[in-house]
């Protein structure tokens, strides 16, 4: 439905849902989307956000699209089209959970890109929770505060991963 709404055909697919760099940034000449077009943008971005919970391959690109929901521009629409073209080429993501020995611990991984957003200078934290070889949860979130260094940005990423891990361990404890 999202792909149909974006009007993306199967003629050209992309290998990544987004890129991090100047080519993805809005220029000064970018016009704001208004009226029905802005409403349509918000609806598609919200659907993609729902889909991203199960698709770690699009989480960062969708997070960036959702950041534009308050005031979408033509550049925002182009980034949505890019996600759509990626999804045409990769319509499914299969999570394989093979047999493994019972695990006695849970692993958490985190990373951060310091000042990744060139406009707000905010960083993004990303991470995953793994039980053995099985990914349980993945995330990509914009950090609330502006980090003054890459070490500070990484610290915020570690704190985020620790909070996610504590929540998951609490869930496991509740389940026995």
Foldseek 3Di string as FASTA:
>chain_A
DLLVLLVDDQPAADQALDDQDDVLDDDPPWAWDDDPRLVSLLVSLVVVCVVCFVPVRCQVLSQVLNVCSVIHTPSSSVSSNSNSRHCSVVVDDDFDDDDDDQAPDKDKDKAKDQLSPVPVRWMKMWIFIGRVPGTDGIHIGTDPDHDPDRVRRVVSNVVVRVVVVVVVVVVVVVVD
